[in-house]
Amino acid sequence: MKMEKLNLTAEWDKTYPRDERVQHTKITFVNRYGITLAADMFVPKGIEGKLPALAVCGPFGAVKEQVSGRYAQEMAARGFLTVAFDPSFTGESGGEPRYMASPDINTEDLMAAVDFLSVQDRVDQQRIGVIGICGWGGMAINAAALDVRIKATVTSTMYDMSRVNANGYFDSEDSEEARHAKRVALAAQRTADYRNGSHALGGGLPAVATDDMPQFLKDYIAYYKTPLGYHPRSVGGNGGWAAIGCASFLNQPLLCYANEIRSAVLLIHGEKAHSLYFSKDAYANMCRDNRYADNKRLLIIPDAVHTDLYYKMDVIPFDEMETFFRTYLK
């Protein structure tokens, strides 16, 4: 497989502090579409022998320097070898044109990370799991349904990106008419992009919150547009996805075969998160007619909103995550 040479940042440019309990290196790997992905690898210090391993990604529109790296570093400090990567077309990873997303390619990104982990000398290839955050929760479930090398999956503050694109927030646009209107707009944008020879961006988050905004949008702005979580390579915190970048989610549902997942899955969500319905429904669907429902669990964090699980170390249930992975990665 041909590896593209990427321009990787040498300095520590994360939105979270370095943890001296782990060793950090930049690595790259290739997915089956030939796209080279950039990742941070974290290895716990002072532990010998083969380690359980985790691939981590998300939120949707974020880069590894924001949330996934925070999760990966903490889990490494707890004894796991971890990689947090930028998805195809974003961050330091390869892929052209930029700022595109795909339920297929992004699911493949996770499985490519499992490819990488499976051949590392320090990794026990029978003990590999994944963590998907926000929109990458849906991708993680999809990967778990497809890739039996994934022995345990955690989703945190999950979005089903297919559902929200097709149905709108809270399923408020769940009609043939609403979806047709979206398809008309996407078709017109494709023509305009082709005529212009470039892909227009859809626009990221507003710079400041206003009183009339939904609270969850204010929460996003408070994270992505402030020093708390802003990063210059972030998609959502800057110009946003390409205007047609998420089009395929409209017609390609992610979670069709979630109830055929045999491996263990833990879904974590905040009690007060606007997005809680994604995890509740995904959990119910995953357990429906599934002979392997006993290793599925929904964990709801009291009083937590969606973005609390991005960065609040005293809210993210790392103890429960560690226990879950140690139980099922064996």
C-alpha atoms as a PDB file:
ATOM      1  CA  MET A   1       0.000   0.000   0.000  1.00  0.00           C
ATOM      2  CA  LYS A   2       1.390   3.349  -1.013  1.00  0.00           C
ATOM      3  CA  MET A   3       1.702   5.781   1.890  1.00  0.00           C
ATOM      4  CA  GLU A   4       1.308   9.483   1.130  1.00  0.00           C
ATOM      5  CA  LYS A   5       3.819  11.739   2.852  1.00  0.00           C
ATOM      6  CA  LEU A   6       1.800  14.016   5.093  1.00  0.00           C
ATOM      7  CA  ASN A   7       2.793  17.322   6.639  1.00  0.00           C
ATOM      8  CA  LEU A   8       2.537  16.449  10.336  1.00  0.00           C
ATOM      9  CA  THR A   9       2.894  19.064  13.041  1.00  0.00           C
ATOM     10  CA  ALA A  10       5.845  18.367  15.312  1.00  0.00           C
ATOM     11  CA  GLU A  11       4.869  20.510  18.291  1.00  0.00           C
ATOM     12  CA  TRP A  12       2.200  19.688  20.864  1.00  0.00           C
ATOM     13  CA  ASP A  13      -0.748  21.697  19.523  1.00  0.00           C
ATOM     14  CA  LYS A  14      -3.540  19.956  21.421  1.00  0.00           C
ATOM     15  CA  THR A  15      -6.413  21.574  23.287  1.00  0.00           C
ATOM     16  CA  TYR A  16      -5.627  19.368  26.287  1.00  0.00           C
ATOM     17  CA  PRO A  17      -2.445  19.057  28.403  1.00  0.00           C
ATOM     18  CA  ARG A  18       0.192  16.392  27.846  1.00  0.00           C
ATOM     19  CA  ASP A  19       0.123  13.443  30.264  1.00  0.00           C
ATOM     20  CA  GLU A  20       3.632  12.329  31.235  1.00  0.00           C
ATOM     21  CA  ARG A  21       2.374   8.849  32.075  1.00  0.00           C
ATOM     22  CA  VAL A  22       2.277   8.010  28.356  1.00  0.00           C
ATOM     23  CA  GLN A  23       4.593   8.180  25.366  1.00  0.00           C
ATOM     24  CA  HIS A  24       3.243  10.092  22.370  1.00  0.00           C
ATOM     25  CA  THR A  25       4.214   9.732  18.709  1.00  0.00           C
ATOM     26  CA  LYS A  26       2.678  10.729  15.372  1.00  0.00           C
ATOM     27  CA  ILE A  27       1.922   7.839  13.021  1.00  0.00           C
ATOM     28  CA  THR A  28       0.213   7.279   9.669  1.00  0.00           C
ATOM     29  CA  PHE A  29      -1.717   4.396   8.114  1.00  0.00           C
ATOM     30  CA  VAL A  30      -3.632   3.786   4.871  1.00  0.00           C
ATOM     31  CA  ASN A  31      -7.281   2.855   4.399  1.00  0.00           C
ATOM     32  CA  ARG A  32      -8.588   0.589   1.629  1.00  0.00           C
ATOM     33  CA  TYR A  33      -9.300   3.599  -0.573  1.00  0.00           C
ATOM     34  CA  GLY A  34      -5.620   4.483  -0.509  1.00  0.00           C
ATOM     35  CA  ILE A  35      -6.100   7.543   1.714  1.00  0.00           C
ATOM     36  CA  THR A  36      -3.315   8.090   4.241  1.00  0.00           C
ATOM     37  CA  LEU A  37      -4.568   8.966   7.710  1.00  0.00           C
ATOM     38  CA  ALA A  38      -2.685  10.884  10.401  1.00  0.00           C
ATOM     39  CA  ALA A  39      -2.929   9.827  14.021  1.00  0.00           C
ATOM     40  CA  ASP A  40      -1.541  10.346  17.493  1.00  0.00           C
ATOM     41  CA  MET A  41      -0.407   7.119  19.124  1.00  0.00           C
ATOM     42  CA  PHE A  42      -0.233   6.888  22.905  1.00  0.00           C
ATOM     43  CA  VAL A  43       1.604   4.075  24.705  1.00  0.00           C
ATOM     44  CA  PRO A  44       1.585   3.695  28.499  1.00  0.00           C
ATOM     45  CA  LYS A  45       4.974   3.976  30.122  1.00  0.00           C
ATOM     46  CA  GLY A  46       6.317   1.283  32.404  1.00  0.00           C
ATOM     47  CA  ILE A  47       4.179  -1.609  31.117  1.00  0.00           C
ATOM     48  CA  GLU A  48       5.841  -4.525  29.366  1.00  0.00           C
ATOM     49  CA  GLY A  49       4.371  -7.074  26.991  1.00  0.00           C
ATOM     50  CA  LYS A  50       1.461  -6.957  24.590  1.00  0.00           C
ATOM     51  CA  LEU A  51      -1.302  -4.464  25.314  1.00  0.00           C
ATOM     52  CA  PRO A  52      -5.010  -4.148  24.605  1.00  0.00           C
ATOM     53  CA  ALA A  53      -5.547  -1.427  22.004  1.00  0.00           C
ATOM     54  CA  LEU A  54      -8.152   1.166  21.105  1.00  0.00           C
ATOM     55  CA  ALA A  55      -8.857   3.243  17.987  1.00  0.00           C
ATOM     56  CA  VAL A  56     -10.541   6.555  18.799  1.00  0.00           C
ATOM     57  CA  CYS A  57     -12.217   9.184  16.618  1.00  0.00           C
ATOM     58  CA  GLY A  58     -14.711  12.048  16.822  1.00  0.00           C
ATOM     59  CA  PRO A  59     -16.579  14.273  17.226  1.00  0.00           C
ATOM     60  CA  PHE A  60     -17.921  14.787  13.707  1.00  0.00           C
ATOM     61  CA  GLY A  61     -16.105  17.844  12.360  1.00  0.00           C
ATOM     62  CA  ALA A  62     -13.419  17.785  15.043  1.00  0.00           C
ATOM     63  CA  VAL A  63      -9.742  16.874  14.784  1.00  0.00           C
ATOM     64  CA  LYS A  64      -7.650  14.588  16.951  1.00  0.00           C
ATOM     65  CA  GLU A  65      -6.181  17.558  18.800  1.00  0.00           C
ATOM     66  CA  GLN A  66      -9.542  18.283  20.408  1.00  0.00           C
ATOM     67  CA  VAL A  67     -11.557  15.388  21.856  1.00  0.00           C
ATOM     68  CA  SER A  68     -10.454  11.996  20.518  1.00  0.00           C
ATOM     69  CA  GLY A  69      -6.866  12.596  21.592  1.00  0.00           C
ATOM     70  CA  ARG A  70      -8.030  13.504  25.078  1.00  0.00           C
ATOM     71  CA  TYR A  71      -9.855  10.168  25.332  1.00  0.00           C
ATOM     72  CA  ALA A  72      -6.976   8.256  23.763  1.00  0.00           C
ATOM     73  CA  GLN A  73      -4.345   9.753  26.071  1.00  0.00           C
ATOM     74  CA  GLU A  74      -6.374   9.025  29.190  1.00  0.00           C
ATOM     75  CA  MET A  75      -7.074   5.439  28.154  1.00  0.00           C
ATOM     76  CA  ALA A  76      -3.361   4.977  27.421  1.00  0.00           C
ATOM     77  CA  ALA A  77      -2.555   6.183  30.911  1.00  0.00           C
ATOM     78  CA  ARG A  78      -4.837   3.375  32.092  1.00  0.00           C
ATOM     79  CA  GLY A  79      -2.852   0.716  30.249  1.00  0.00           C
ATOM     80  CA  PHE A  80      -4.123   0.638  26.658  1.00  0.00           C
ATOM     81  CA  LEU A  81      -2.197   1.363  23.479  1.00  0.00           C
ATOM     82  CA  THR A  82      -4.348   3.907  21.648  1.00  0.00           C
ATOM     83  CA  VAL A  83      -4.539   5.839  18.400  1.00  0.00           C
ATOM     84  CA  ALA A  84      -6.639   8.956  17.811  1.00  0.00           C
ATOM     85  CA  PHE A  85      -6.868   9.829  14.131  1.00  0.00           C
ATOM     86  CA  ASP A  86      -8.137  12.493  11.775  1.00  0.00           C
ATOM     87  CA  PRO A  87     -10.776  11.159   9.363  1.00  0.00           C
ATOM     88  CA  SER A  88     -10.226  11.148   5.614  1.00  0.00           C
ATOM     89  CA  PHE A  89     -10.358  14.611   3.991  1.00  0.00           C
ATOM     90  CA  THR A  90      -9.849  16.445   7.303  1.00  0.00           C
ATOM     91  CA  GLY A  91      -7.149  17.591   9.705  1.00  0.00           C
ATOM     92  CA  GLU A  92      -3.672  16.296   8.957  1.00  0.00           C
ATOM     93  CA  SER A  93      -5.004  13.276   7.069  1.00  0.00           C
ATOM     94  CA  GLY A  94      -4.970  12.944   3.296  1.00  0.00           C
ATOM     95  CA  GLY A  95      -7.839  12.814   0.850  1.00  0.00           C
ATOM     96  CA  GLU A  96      -9.047  15.228  -1.796  1.00  0.00           C
ATOM     97  CA  PRO A  97     -11.185  17.229  -2.101  1.00  0.00           C
ATOM     98  CA  ARG A  98     -11.156  18.476   1.470  1.00  0.00           C
ATOM     99  CA  TYR A  99     -13.970  18.557   4.009  1.00  0.00           C
ATOM    100  CA  MET A 100     -15.966  15.650   2.629  1.00  0.00           C
ATOM    101  CA  ALA A 101     -17.612  12.930   4.718  1.00  0.00           C
ATOM    102  CA  SER A 102     -18.963   9.500   3.862  1.00  0.00           C
ATOM    103  CA  PRO A 103     -20.679   6.778   5.901  1.00  0.00           C
ATOM    104  CA  ASP A 104     -18.663   4.232   3.929  1.00  0.00           C
ATOM    105  CA  ILE A 105     -15.246   5.884   3.883  1.00  0.00           C
ATOM    106  CA  ASN A 106     -15.464   7.063   7.482  1.00  0.00           C
ATOM    107  CA  THR A 107     -16.469   3.601   8.690  1.00  0.00           C
ATOM    108  CA  GLU A 108     -13.509   2.322   6.684  1.00  0.00           C
ATOM    109  CA  ASP A 109     -11.259   4.834   8.468  1.00  0.00           C
ATOM    110  CA  LEU A 110     -12.022   3.091  11.763  1.00  0.00           C
ATOM    111  CA  MET A 111     -11.382  -0.346  10.291  1.00  0.00           C
ATOM    112  CA  ALA A 112      -8.102   0.915   8.803  1.00  0.00           C
ATOM    113  CA  ALA A 113      -7.076   1.982  12.301  1.00  0.00           C
ATOM    114  CA  VAL A 114      -7.835  -1.584  13.405  1.00  0.00           C
ATOM    115  CA  ASP A 115      -5.642  -2.806  10.508  1.00  0.00           C
ATOM    116  CA  PHE A 116      -2.801  -0.700  11.882  1.00  0.00           C
ATOM    117  CA  LEU A 117      -3.269  -1.845  15.459  1.00  0.00           C
ATOM    118  CA  SER A 118      -3.526  -5.487  14.438  1.00  0.00           C
ATOM    119  CA  VAL A 119       0.062  -5.615  13.179  1.00  0.00           C
ATOM    120  CA  GLN A 120       1.799  -3.672  15.961  1.00  0.00           C
ATOM    121  CA  ASP A 121       4.294  -5.679  18.008  1.00  0.00           C
ATOM    122  CA  ARG A 122       3.017  -4.186  21.264  1.00  0.00           C
ATOM    123  CA  VAL A 123      -0.644  -4.989  20.545  1.00  0.00           C
ATOM    124  CA  ASP A 124      -2.550  -8.165  21.377  1.00  0.00           C
ATOM    125  CA  GLN A 125      -4.597  -8.434  18.185  1.00  0.00           C
ATOM    126  CA  GLN A 126      -7.313 -10.377  20.015  1.00  0.00           C
ATOM    127  CA  ARG A 127      -7.910  -7.375  22.314  1.00  0.00           C
ATOM    128  CA  ILE A 128      -8.792  -4.441  20.059  1.00  0.00           C
ATOM    129  CA  GLY A 129     -11.665  -2.038  20.658  1.00  0.00           C
ATOM    130  CA  VAL A 130     -12.927   1.284  19.323  1.00  0.00           C
ATOM    131  CA  ILE A 131     -14.300   4.509  20.778  1.00  0.00           C
ATOM    132  CA  GLY A 132     -16.544   6.732  18.645  1.00  0.00           C
ATOM    133  CA  ILE A 133     -17.481  10.178  19.919  1.00  0.00           C
ATOM    134  CA  CYS A 134     -20.481  12.242  18.737  1.00  0.00           C
ATOM    135  CA  GLY A 135     -21.027  11.545  15.006  1.00  0.00           C
ATOM    136  CA  TRP A 136     -18.302   8.950  15.149  1.00  0.00           C
ATOM    137  CA  GLY A 137     -20.446   6.935  17.546  1.00  0.00           C
ATOM    138  CA  GLY A 138     -22.623   5.915  14.616  1.00  0.00           C
ATOM    139  CA  MET A 139     -19.544   5.085  12.561  1.00  0.00           C
ATOM    140  CA  ALA A 140     -18.203   2.971  15.448  1.00  0.00           C
ATOM    141  CA  ILE A 141     -21.432   0.965  15.668  1.00  0.00           C
ATOM    142  CA  ASN A 142     -21.382   0.478  11.903  1.00  0.00           C
ATOM    143  CA  ALA A 143     -17.766  -0.700  12.075  1.00  0.00           C
ATOM    144  CA  ALA A 144     -18.574  -3.090  14.929  1.00  0.00           C
ATOM    145  CA  ALA A 145     -21.378  -4.597  12.826  1.00  0.00           C
ATOM    146  CA  LEU A 146     -18.951  -5.176   9.942  1.00  0.00           C
ATOM    147  CA  ASP A 147     -15.532  -5.898  11.470  1.00  0.00           C
ATOM    148  CA  VAL A 148     -15.393  -8.884  13.823  1.00  0.00           C
ATOM    149  CA  ARG A 149     -11.854  -7.958  14.872  1.00  0.00           C
ATOM    150  CA  ILE A 150     -13.473  -5.252  17.009  1.00  0.00           C
ATOM    151  CA  LYS A 151     -14.092  -7.000  20.309  1.00  0.00           C
ATOM    152  CA  ALA A 152     -15.636  -4.082  22.220  1.00  0.00           C
ATOM    153  CA  THR A 153     -17.081  -0.690  21.271  1.00  0.00           C
ATOM    154  CA  VAL A 154     -17.776   2.464  23.267  1.00  0.00           C
ATOM    155  CA  THR A 155     -19.809   5.352  21.925  1.00  0.00           C
ATOM    156  CA  SER A 156     -19.880   8.670  23.738  1.00  0.00           C
ATOM    157  CA  THR A 157     -22.533  11.377  23.241  1.00  0.00           C
ATOM    158  CA  MET A 158     -23.447   9.656  19.969  1.00  0.00           C
ATOM    159  CA  TYR A 159     -24.996  11.143  16.850  1.00  0.00           C
ATOM    160  CA  ASP A 160     -26.501   8.993  14.094  1.00  0.00           C
ATOM    161  CA  MET A 161     -25.306  11.154  11.201  1.00  0.00           C
ATOM    162  CA  SER A 162     -27.510   9.376   8.665  1.00  0.00           C
ATOM    163  CA  ARG A 163     -30.618  10.016  10.729  1.00  0.00           C
ATOM    164  CA  VAL A 164     -29.907  13.657  11.442  1.00  0.00           C
ATOM    165  CA  ASN A 165     -29.103  14.358   7.788  1.00  0.00           C
ATOM    166  CA  ALA A 166     -32.176  12.549   6.498  1.00  0.00           C
ATOM    167  CA  ASN A 167     -34.660  13.508   9.208  1.00  0.00           C
ATOM    168  CA  GLY A 168     -33.302  16.709  10.738  1.00  0.00           C
ATOM    169  CA  TYR A 169     -32.894  17.328  14.448  1.00  0.00           C
ATOM    170  CA  PHE A 170     -35.453  15.501  16.590  1.00  0.00           C
ATOM    171  CA  ASP A 171     -36.822  13.983  13.338  1.00  0.00           C
ATOM    172  CA  SER A 172     -38.517  17.306  12.590  1.00  0.00           C
ATOM    173  CA  GLU A 173     -37.845  16.908   8.833  1.00  0.00           C
ATOM    174  CA  ASP A 174     -38.780  13.255   8.525  1.00  0.00           C
ATOM    175  CA  SER A 175     -40.872  13.434   5.367  1.00  0.00           C
ATOM    176  CA  GLU A 176     -40.445  12.733   1.680  1.00  0.00           C
ATOM    177  CA  GLU A 177     -41.099  16.411   0.931  1.00  0.00           C
ATOM    178  CA  ALA A 178     -38.378  17.625   3.297  1.00  0.00           C
ATOM    179  CA  ARG A 179     -35.854  15.145   1.936  1.00  0.00           C
ATOM    180  CA  HIS A 180     -36.777  16.068  -1.628  1.00  0.00           C
ATOM    181  CA  ALA A 181     -36.075  19.718  -0.860  1.00  0.00           C
ATOM    182  CA  LYS A 182     -32.648  18.749   0.457  1.00  0.00           C
ATOM    183  CA  ARG A 183     -31.929  16.734  -2.679  1.00  0.00           C
ATOM    184  CA  VAL A 184     -32.933  19.666  -4.888  1.00  0.00           C
ATOM    185  CA  ALA A 185     -30.551  21.971  -2.992  1.00  0.00           C
ATOM    186  CA  LEU A 186     -27.713  19.440  -3.129  1.00  0.00           C
ATOM    187  CA  ALA A 187     -28.187  18.915  -6.870  1.00  0.00           C
ATOM    188  CA  ALA A 188     -28.056  22.662  -7.535  1.00  0.00           C
ATOM    189  CA  GLN A 189     -24.917  22.970  -5.393  1.00  0.00           C
ATOM    190  CA  ARG A 190     -23.188  20.144  -7.253  1.00  0.00           C
ATOM    191  CA  THR A 191     -23.818  21.906 -10.564  1.00  0.00           C
ATOM    192  CA  ALA A 192     -22.532  25.204  -9.175  1.00  0.00           C
ATOM    193  CA  ASP A 193     -19.427  23.546  -7.730  1.00  0.00           C
ATOM    194  CA  TYR A 194     -18.624  21.806 -10.986  1.00  0.00           C
ATOM    195  CA  ARG A 195     -19.092  25.014 -12.932  1.00  0.00           C
ATOM    196  CA  ASN A 196     -16.843  26.915 -10.511  1.00  0.00           C
ATOM    197  CA  GLY A 197     -14.200  24.194 -10.360  1.00  0.00           C
ATOM    198  CA  SER A 198     -14.188  24.156  -6.557  1.00  0.00           C
ATOM    199  CA  HIS A 199     -16.348  23.019  -3.671  1.00  0.00           C
ATOM    200  CA  ALA A 200     -18.108  25.722  -1.686  1.00  0.00           C
ATOM    201  CA  LEU A 201     -18.061  25.359   2.087  1.00  0.00           C
ATOM    202  CA  GLY A 202     -21.298  25.065   3.986  1.00  0.00           C
ATOM    203  CA  GLY A 203     -20.140  27.299   6.840  1.00  0.00           C
ATOM    204  CA  GLY A 204     -19.090  26.406  10.345  1.00  0.00           C
ATOM    205  CA  LEU A 205     -20.440  27.537  13.678  1.00  0.00           C
ATOM    206  CA  PRO A 206     -21.320  31.201  14.275  1.00  0.00           C
ATOM    207  CA  ALA A 207     -18.579  33.154  16.014  1.00  0.00           C
ATOM    208  CA  VAL A 208     -20.763  34.097  18.967  1.00  0.00           C
ATOM    209  CA  ALA A 209     -23.949  32.779  20.515  1.00  0.00           C
ATOM    210  CA  THR A 210     -27.187  34.747  20.517  1.00  0.00           C
ATOM    211  CA  ASP A 211     -30.081  34.549  22.949  1.00  0.00           C
ATOM    212  CA  ASP A 212     -32.458  33.001  20.432  1.00  0.00           C
ATOM    213  CA  MET A 213     -30.209  30.029  19.658  1.00  0.00           C
ATOM    214  CA  PRO A 214     -30.981  26.542  20.995  1.00  0.00           C
ATOM    215  CA  GLN A 215     -28.916  25.775  24.075  1.00  0.00           C
ATOM    216  CA  PHE A 216     -27.047  22.934  22.382  1.00  0.00           C
ATOM    217  CA  LEU A 217     -25.813  25.321  19.682  1.00  0.00           C
ATOM    218  CA  LYS A 218     -24.608  27.704  22.390  1.00  0.00           C
ATOM    219  CA  ASP A 219     -22.779  24.765  23.977  1.00  0.00           C
ATOM    220  CA  TYR A 220     -21.069  23.941  20.672  1.00  0.00           C
ATOM    221  CA  ILE A 221     -19.962  27.565  20.237  1.00  0.00           C
ATOM    222  CA  ALA A 222     -18.684  27.682  23.831  1.00  0.00           C
ATOM    223  CA  TYR A 223     -16.418  24.752  23.035  1.00  0.00           C
ATOM    224  CA  TYR A 224     -15.381  25.031  19.384  1.00  0.00           C
ATOM    225  CA  LYS A 225     -15.143  28.834  19.105  1.00  0.00           C
ATOM    226  CA  THR A 226     -13.267  29.593  22.328  1.00  0.00           C
ATOM    227  CA  PRO A 227      -9.795  28.688  23.640  1.00  0.00           C
ATOM    228  CA  LEU A 228     -11.440  25.763  25.447  1.00  0.00           C
ATOM    229  CA  GLY A 229     -11.644  23.743  22.237  1.00  0.00           C
ATOM    230  CA  TYR A 230     -10.823  25.848  19.181  1.00  0.00           C
ATOM    231  CA  HIS A 231      -8.305  24.392  16.755  1.00  0.00           C
ATOM    232  CA  PRO A 232      -7.297  25.911  13.405  1.00  0.00           C
ATOM    233  CA  ARG A 233      -7.671  22.555  11.603  1.00  0.00           C
ATOM    234  CA  SER A 234     -11.130  21.805  12.959  1.00  0.00           C
ATOM    235  CA  VAL A 235     -13.903  21.546  10.365  1.00  0.00           C
ATOM    236  CA  GLY A 236     -16.895  22.693  12.400  1.00  0.00           C
ATOM    237  CA  GLY A 237     -14.977  25.378  14.252  1.00  0.00           C
ATOM    238  CA  ASN A 238     -13.910  27.096  11.028  1.00  0.00           C
ATOM    239  CA  GLY A 239     -15.391  27.017   7.513  1.00  0.00           C
ATOM    240  CA  GLY A 240     -17.399  23.848   7.965  1.00  0.00           C
ATOM    241  CA  TRP A 241     -17.882  20.873   5.687  1.00  0.00           C
ATOM    242  CA  ALA A 242     -18.146  21.258   1.943  1.00  0.00           C
ATOM    243  CA  ALA A 243     -21.733  22.216   1.134  1.00  0.00           C
ATOM    244  CA  ILE A 244     -22.221  18.810  -0.505  1.00  0.00           C
ATOM    245  CA  GLY A 245     -19.821  17.092   1.861  1.00  0.00           C
ATOM    246  CA  CYS A 246     -22.358  15.063   3.831  1.00  0.00           C
ATOM    247  CA  ALA A 247     -24.791  14.338   0.986  1.00  0.00           C
ATOM    248  CA  SER A 248     -24.438  10.555   0.991  1.00  0.00           C
ATOM    249  CA  PHE A 249     -25.659  10.284   4.593  1.00  0.00           C
ATOM    250  CA  LEU A 250     -29.095  11.281   3.305  1.00  0.00           C
ATOM    251  CA  ASN A 251     -29.560   7.965   1.485  1.00  0.00           C
ATOM    252  CA  GLN A 252     -27.204   5.603   3.334  1.00  0.00           C
ATOM    253  CA  PRO A 253     -28.333   4.684   6.864  1.00  0.00           C
ATOM    254  CA  LEU A 254     -25.553   3.600   9.200  1.00  0.00           C
ATOM    255  CA  LEU A 255     -27.208   1.393  11.793  1.00  0.00           C
ATOM    256  CA  CYS A 256     -29.196  -1.125   9.718  1.00  0.00           C
ATOM    257  CA  TYR A 257     -27.474  -4.206  11.133  1.00  0.00           C
ATOM    258  CA  ALA A 258     -26.664  -2.978  14.631  1.00  0.00           C
ATOM    259  CA  ASN A 259     -28.829  -5.751  16.091  1.00  0.00           C
ATOM    260  CA  GLU A 260     -26.457  -8.312  14.560  1.00  0.00           C
ATOM    261  CA  ILE A 261     -23.459  -7.091  16.564  1.00  0.00           C
ATOM    262  CA  ARG A 262     -22.219  -9.957  18.704  1.00  0.00           C
ATOM    263  CA  SER A 263     -19.403  -8.102  20.453  1.00  0.00           C
ATOM    264  CA  ALA A 264     -19.854  -5.864  23.485  1.00  0.00           C
ATOM    265  CA  VAL A 265     -21.113  -2.277  23.115  1.00  0.00           C
ATOM    266  CA  LEU A 266     -21.358   0.471  25.735  1.00  0.00           C
ATOM    267  CA  LEU A 267     -23.301   3.612  24.779  1.00  0.00           C
ATOM    268  CA  ILE A 268     -22.597   6.642  27.006  1.00  0.00           C
ATOM    269  CA  HIS A 269     -24.733   9.768  26.916  1.00  0.00           C
ATOM    270  CA  GLY A 270     -25.594  12.801  29.003  1.00  0.00           C
ATOM    271  CA  GLU A 271     -28.983  12.953  30.685  1.00  0.00           C
ATOM    272  CA  LYS A 272     -29.560  16.524  29.499  1.00  0.00           C
ATOM    273  CA  ALA A 273     -27.988  16.171  26.055  1.00  0.00           C
ATOM    274  CA  HIS A 274     -30.189  17.206  23.137  1.00  0.00           C
ATOM    275  CA  SER A 275     -28.812  14.159  21.333  1.00  0.00           C
ATOM    276  CA  LEU A 276     -29.764  11.550  23.940  1.00  0.00           C
ATOM    277  CA  TYR A 277     -32.465  10.102  21.698  1.00  0.00           C
ATOM    278  CA  PHE A 278     -29.795   8.844  19.281  1.00  0.00           C
ATOM    279  CA  SER A 279     -28.244   6.580  21.924  1.00  0.00           C
ATOM    280  CA  LYS A 280     -31.560   5.495  23.403  1.00  0.00           C
ATOM    281  CA  ASP A 281     -32.913   4.445  20.018  1.00  0.00           C
ATOM    282  CA  ALA A 282     -29.616   2.878  18.906  1.00  0.00           C
ATOM    283  CA  TYR A 283     -29.485   0.827  22.100  1.00  0.00           C
ATOM    284  CA  ALA A 284     -33.075  -0.366  21.703  1.00  0.00           C
ATOM    285  CA  ASN A 285     -32.443  -1.268  18.069  1.00  0.00           C
ATOM    286  CA  MET A 286     -29.187  -3.019  18.920  1.00  0.00           C
ATOM    287  CA  CYS A 287     -30.903  -5.237  21.453  1.00  0.00           C
ATOM    288  CA  ARG A 288     -33.963  -6.005  19.313  1.00  0.00           C
ATOM    289  CA  ASP A 289     -34.014  -9.671  18.308  1.00  0.00           C
ATOM    290  CA  ASN A 290     -30.298  -9.900  19.143  1.00  0.00           C
ATOM    291  CA  ARG A 291     -29.145 -13.161  20.706  1.00  0.00           C
ATOM    292  CA  TYR A 292     -26.155 -11.222  22.050  1.00  0.00           C
ATOM    293  CA  ALA A 293     -28.000  -8.420  23.851  1.00  0.00           C
ATOM    294  CA  ASP A 294     -26.554  -9.288  27.264  1.00  0.00           C
ATOM    295  CA  ASN A 295     -23.258  -7.518  26.492  1.00  0.00           C
ATOM    296  CA  LYS A 296     -24.939  -4.269  25.406  1.00  0.00           C
ATOM    297  CA  ARG A 297     -25.341  -1.381  27.876  1.00  0.00           C
ATOM    298  CA  LEU A 298     -26.647   2.191  27.880  1.00  0.00           C
ATOM    299  CA  LEU A 299     -24.999   4.440  30.496  1.00  0.00           C
ATOM    300  CA  ILE A 300     -26.669   7.816  31.081  1.00  0.00           C
ATOM    301  CA  ILE A 301     -24.592  10.437  32.919  1.00  0.00           C
ATOM    302  CA  PRO A 302     -26.720  12.563  35.291  1.00  0.00           C
ATOM    303  CA  ASP A 303     -27.067  16.279  34.440  1.00  0.00           C
ATOM    304  CA  ALA A 304     -24.551  16.116  31.552  1.00  0.00           C
ATOM    305  CA  VAL A 305     -25.158  17.929  28.256  1.00  0.00           C
ATOM    306  CA  HIS A 306     -23.760  16.833  24.899  1.00  0.00           C
ATOM    307  CA  THR A 307     -20.478  18.752  25.018  1.00  0.00           C
ATOM    308  CA  ASP A 308     -19.734  17.898  28.672  1.00  0.00           C
ATOM    309  CA  LEU A 309     -18.502  14.553  27.355  1.00  0.00           C
ATOM    310  CA  TYR A 310     -16.067  16.321  25.034  1.00  0.00           C
ATOM    311  CA  TYR A 311     -13.698  17.634  27.663  1.00  0.00           C
ATOM    312  CA  LYS A 312     -14.870  17.445  31.290  1.00  0.00           C
ATOM    313  CA  MET A 313     -12.561  14.887  32.823  1.00  0.00           C
ATOM    314  CA  ASP A 314     -14.729  14.627  35.949  1.00  0.00           C
ATOM    315  CA  VAL A 315     -17.822  13.908  33.830  1.00  0.00           C
ATOM    316  CA  ILE A 316     -16.497  11.515  31.183  1.00  0.00           C
ATOM    317  CA  PRO A 317     -16.871   8.089  32.856  1.00  0.00           C
ATOM    318  CA  PHE A 318     -13.344   6.819  32.257  1.00  0.00           C
ATOM    319  CA  ASP A 319     -13.549   4.364  35.168  1.00  0.00           C
ATOM    320  CA  GLU A 320     -16.599   2.696  33.639  1.00  0.00           C
ATOM    321  CA  MET A 321     -14.954   2.694  30.206  1.00  0.00           C
ATOM    322  CA  GLU A 322     -11.824   1.047  31.581  1.00  0.00           C
ATOM    323  CA  THR A 323     -13.852  -1.592  33.402  1.00  0.00           C
ATOM    324  CA  PHE A 324     -15.888  -2.279  30.262  1.00  0.00           C
ATOM    325  CA  PHE A 325     -12.844  -2.726  28.028  1.00  0.00           C
ATOM    326  CA  ARG A 326     -11.000  -4.850  30.581  1.00  0.00           C
ATOM    327  CA  THR A 327     -14.078  -7.058  30.880  1.00  0.00           C
ATOM    328  CA  TYR A 328     -14.550  -7.634  27.170  1.00  0.00           C
ATOM    329  CA  LEU A 329     -11.032  -7.278  25.747  1.00  0.00           C
ATOM    330  CA  LYS A 330      -9.776 -10.583  27.078  1.00  0.00           C
END
